[in-house]
Each structure stands twice: as C-alpha cells, then as structure tokens.
C-alpha atoms as a PDB file:
ATOM      1  CA  MET A   1     -42.542-116.541 110.435  1.00  0.00           C
ATOM      2  CA  PHE A   2     -39.499-116.830 108.141  1.00  0.00           C
ATOM      3  CA  GLY A   3     -37.915-119.379 110.470  1.00  0.00           C
ATOM      4  CA  VAL A   4     -37.273-116.726 113.146  1.00  0.00           C
ATOM      5  CA  GLY A   5     -38.123-117.673 116.720  1.00  0.00           C
ATOM      6  CA  THR A   6     -39.243-115.574 119.648  1.00  0.00           C
ATOM      7  CA  GLN A   7     -35.740-115.121 121.031  1.00  0.00           C
ATOM      8  CA  GLU A   8     -34.384-113.888 117.710  1.00  0.00           C
ATOM      9  CA  ILE A   9     -37.215-111.362 117.360  1.00  0.00           C
ATOM     10  CA  LEU A  10     -36.564-110.035 120.880  1.00  0.00           C
ATOM     11  CA  ILE A  11     -32.845-109.668 120.159  1.00  0.00           C
ATOM     12  CA  ILE A  12     -33.588-107.814 116.917  1.00  0.00           C
ATOM     13  CA  LEU A  13     -36.018-105.476 118.711  1.00  0.00           C
ATOM     14  CA  VAL A  14     -33.452-104.723 121.449  1.00  0.00           C
ATOM     15  CA  VAL A  15     -30.758-103.977 118.865  1.00  0.00           C
ATOM     16  CA  VAL A  16     -33.122-101.684 116.930  1.00  0.00           C
ATOM     17  CA  LEU A  17     -34.090 -99.925 120.157  1.00  0.00           C
ATOM     18  CA  LEU A  18     -30.415 -99.402 121.046  1.00  0.00           C
ATOM     19  CA  LEU A  19     -29.504 -98.166 117.569  1.00  0.00           C
ATOM     20  CA  PHE A  20     -32.371 -95.744 117.003  1.00  0.00           C
ATOM     21  CA  GLY A  21     -33.521 -94.874 120.518  1.00  0.00           C
ATOM     22  CA  GLY A  22     -36.949 -94.710 122.099  1.00  0.00           C
ATOM     23  CA  LYS A  23     -37.932 -91.405 120.508  1.00  0.00           C
ATOM     24  CA  ARG A  24     -37.135 -92.389 116.951  1.00  0.00           C
ATOM     25  CA  LEU A  25     -38.726 -95.856 117.080  1.00  0.00           C
ATOM     26  CA  PRO A  26     -42.405 -94.709 116.964  1.00  0.00           C
ATOM     27  CA  GLU A  27     -41.596 -92.409 114.032  1.00  0.00           C
ATOM     28  CA  MET A  28     -40.038 -95.314 112.152  1.00  0.00           C
ATOM     29  CA  ALA A  29     -43.004 -97.568 112.920  1.00  0.00           C
ATOM     30  CA  ARG A  30     -45.419 -94.917 111.607  1.00  0.00           C
ATOM     31  CA  GLY A  31     -43.356 -94.567 108.437  1.00  0.00           C
ATOM     32  CA  VAL A  32     -43.318 -98.326 107.873  1.00  0.00           C
ATOM     33  CA  GLY A  33     -47.069 -98.492 108.493  1.00  0.00           C
ATOM     34  CA  LYS A  34     -47.771 -95.684 106.040  1.00  0.00           C
ATOM     35  CA  GLY A  35     -45.521 -97.302 103.447  1.00  0.00           C
ATOM     36  CA  LEU A  36     -47.275-100.654 103.783  1.00  0.00           C
ATOM     37  CA  GLY A  37     -50.682 -98.985 103.533  1.00  0.00           C
ATOM     38  CA  GLU A  38     -49.643 -97.135 100.379  1.00  0.00           C
ATOM     39  CA  PHE A  39     -48.258-100.345  98.876  1.00  0.00           C
ATOM     40  CA  ARG A  40     -51.468-102.255  99.604  1.00  0.00           C
ATOM     41  CA  ARG A  41     -53.555 -99.471  98.052  1.00  0.00           C
ATOM     42  CA  ALA A  42     -51.398 -99.477  94.930  1.00  0.00           C
ATOM     43  CA  VAL A  43     -51.654-103.275  94.592  1.00  0.00           C
ATOM     44  CA  ARG A  44     -55.434-103.104  95.018  1.00  0.00           C
ATOM     45  CA  ASP A  45     -55.723-100.349  92.375  1.00  0.00           C
ATOM     46  CA  VAL A  46     -53.603-102.280  89.878  1.00  0.00           C
ATOM     47  CA  GLN A  47     -55.625-105.445  90.517  1.00  0.00           C
ATOM     48  CA  ARG A  48     -58.869-103.526  89.976  1.00  0.00           C
ATOM     49  CA  GLU A  49     -57.597-102.076  86.694  1.00  0.00           C
ATOM     50  CA  VAL A  50     -56.495-105.491  85.449  1.00  0.00           C
ATOM     51  CA  ASP A  51     -59.875-106.980  86.355  1.00  0.00           C
ATOM     52  CA  LEU A  52     -61.693-104.181  84.518  1.00  0.00           C
ATOM     53  CA  GLU A  53     -59.543-104.656  81.404  1.00  0.00           C
ATOM     54  CA  ILE A  54     -60.201-108.388  81.422  1.00  0.00           C
ATOM     55  CA  MET A  55     -63.935-107.785  81.696  1.00  0.00           C
ATOM     56  CA  LYS A  56     -63.853-105.273  78.798  1.00  0.00           C
ATOM     57  CA  GLU A  57     -62.136-107.601  76.338  1.00  0.00           C
ATOM     58  CA  PRO A  58     -64.489-109.565  74.120  1.00  0.00           C
ATOM     59  CA  PRO A  59     -64.044-113.331  74.199  1.00  0.00           C
ATOM     60  CA  PRO A  60     -61.645-114.653  71.550  1.00  0.00           C
ATOM     61  CA  GLU A  61     -63.350-115.524  68.280  1.00  0.00           C
ATOM     62  CA  ARG A  62     -63.345-119.117  67.153  1.00  0.00           C
ATOM     63  CA  LYS A  63     -61.964-119.710  63.717  1.00  0.00           C
ATOM     64  CA  THR A  64     -64.478-121.498  61.524  1.00  0.00           C
ATOM     65  CA  GLY A  65     -62.383-121.923  58.402  1.00  0.00           C
ATOM     66  CA  GLY A  66     -63.338-125.516  57.786  1.00  0.00           C
ATOM     67  CA  PRO A  67     -64.500-128.764  59.301  1.00  0.00           C
ATOM     68  CA  PRO A  68     -63.099-129.783  62.676  1.00  0.00           C
ATOM     69  CA  PRO A  69     -60.091-132.088  62.560  1.00  0.00           C
ATOM     70  CA  SER A  70     -61.081-135.735  62.465  1.00  0.00           C
ATOM     71  CA  GLU A  71     -59.296-138.844  63.635  1.00  0.00           C
ATOM     72  CA  LYS A  72     -57.728-141.134  61.074  1.00  0.00           C
ATOM     73  CA  THR A  73     -59.792-144.294  60.880  1.00  0.00           C
ATOM     74  CA  ASN A  74     -58.679-145.919  57.671  1.00  0.00           C
ATOM     75  CA  GLY A  75     -54.965-146.221  58.537  1.00  0.00           C
ATOM     76  CA  SER A  76     -53.792-145.072  55.069  1.00  0.00           C
ATOM     77  CA  SER A  77     -51.057-142.793  56.338  1.00  0.00           C
ATOM     78  CA  GLY A  78     -48.334-144.912  54.784  1.00  0.00           C
ATOM     79  CA  ALA A  79     -46.128-144.656  57.850  1.00  0.00           C
ATOM     80  CA  ASP A  80     -46.959-148.129  59.064  1.00  0.00           C
ATOM     81  CA  HIS A  81     -45.251-150.324  56.470  1.00  0.00           C
ATOM     82  CA  ARG A  82     -44.625-153.895  57.341  1.00  0.00           C
ATOM     83  CA  GLY A  83     -42.699-155.741  54.883  1.00  0.00           C
END
C-alpha cells in the first residue's frame, strides 16, 4: 500500500489521534467516507453518460470514393534505377 508498512501506519494514526483528539476523529472519518462515496457516485455517473453517448453515435461511414488501393506489381515507379 504505497510502500508504507504497518509501523508507519500506526505512527501516522497516533499522530493524527494526538493532533485532532478522540472526539474529532470519528467526525473526520465520516467526512472522508462521505466524500469518497460522493466521488465514486460522480465517477459512475460520468462513466454512464460517456457509455450512453458512445452507444448513441452511429458507426463512422466508410468512404467509397473509388477502388481500394492496390499494391504495385509492375515495378514501374521509376525510383529503382540501376545504371
């Protein structure tokens, strides 16, 4: 988890507990949880809208202005001069 071990996490939790106190910590955790939930909902809604827009778009039309490109078989390009 981000290269942080168990000891580092415990130290961080103790420091947070000392800074904010036992009463404020549950309030902060609830706020973080609500924020994450709101973020996930927003990401899901945006993803749903993008998927719907992709499904609505018609497939791109193929241009049929002429014959398909063919490979050169006669070698008359003139670029291969030996002389």
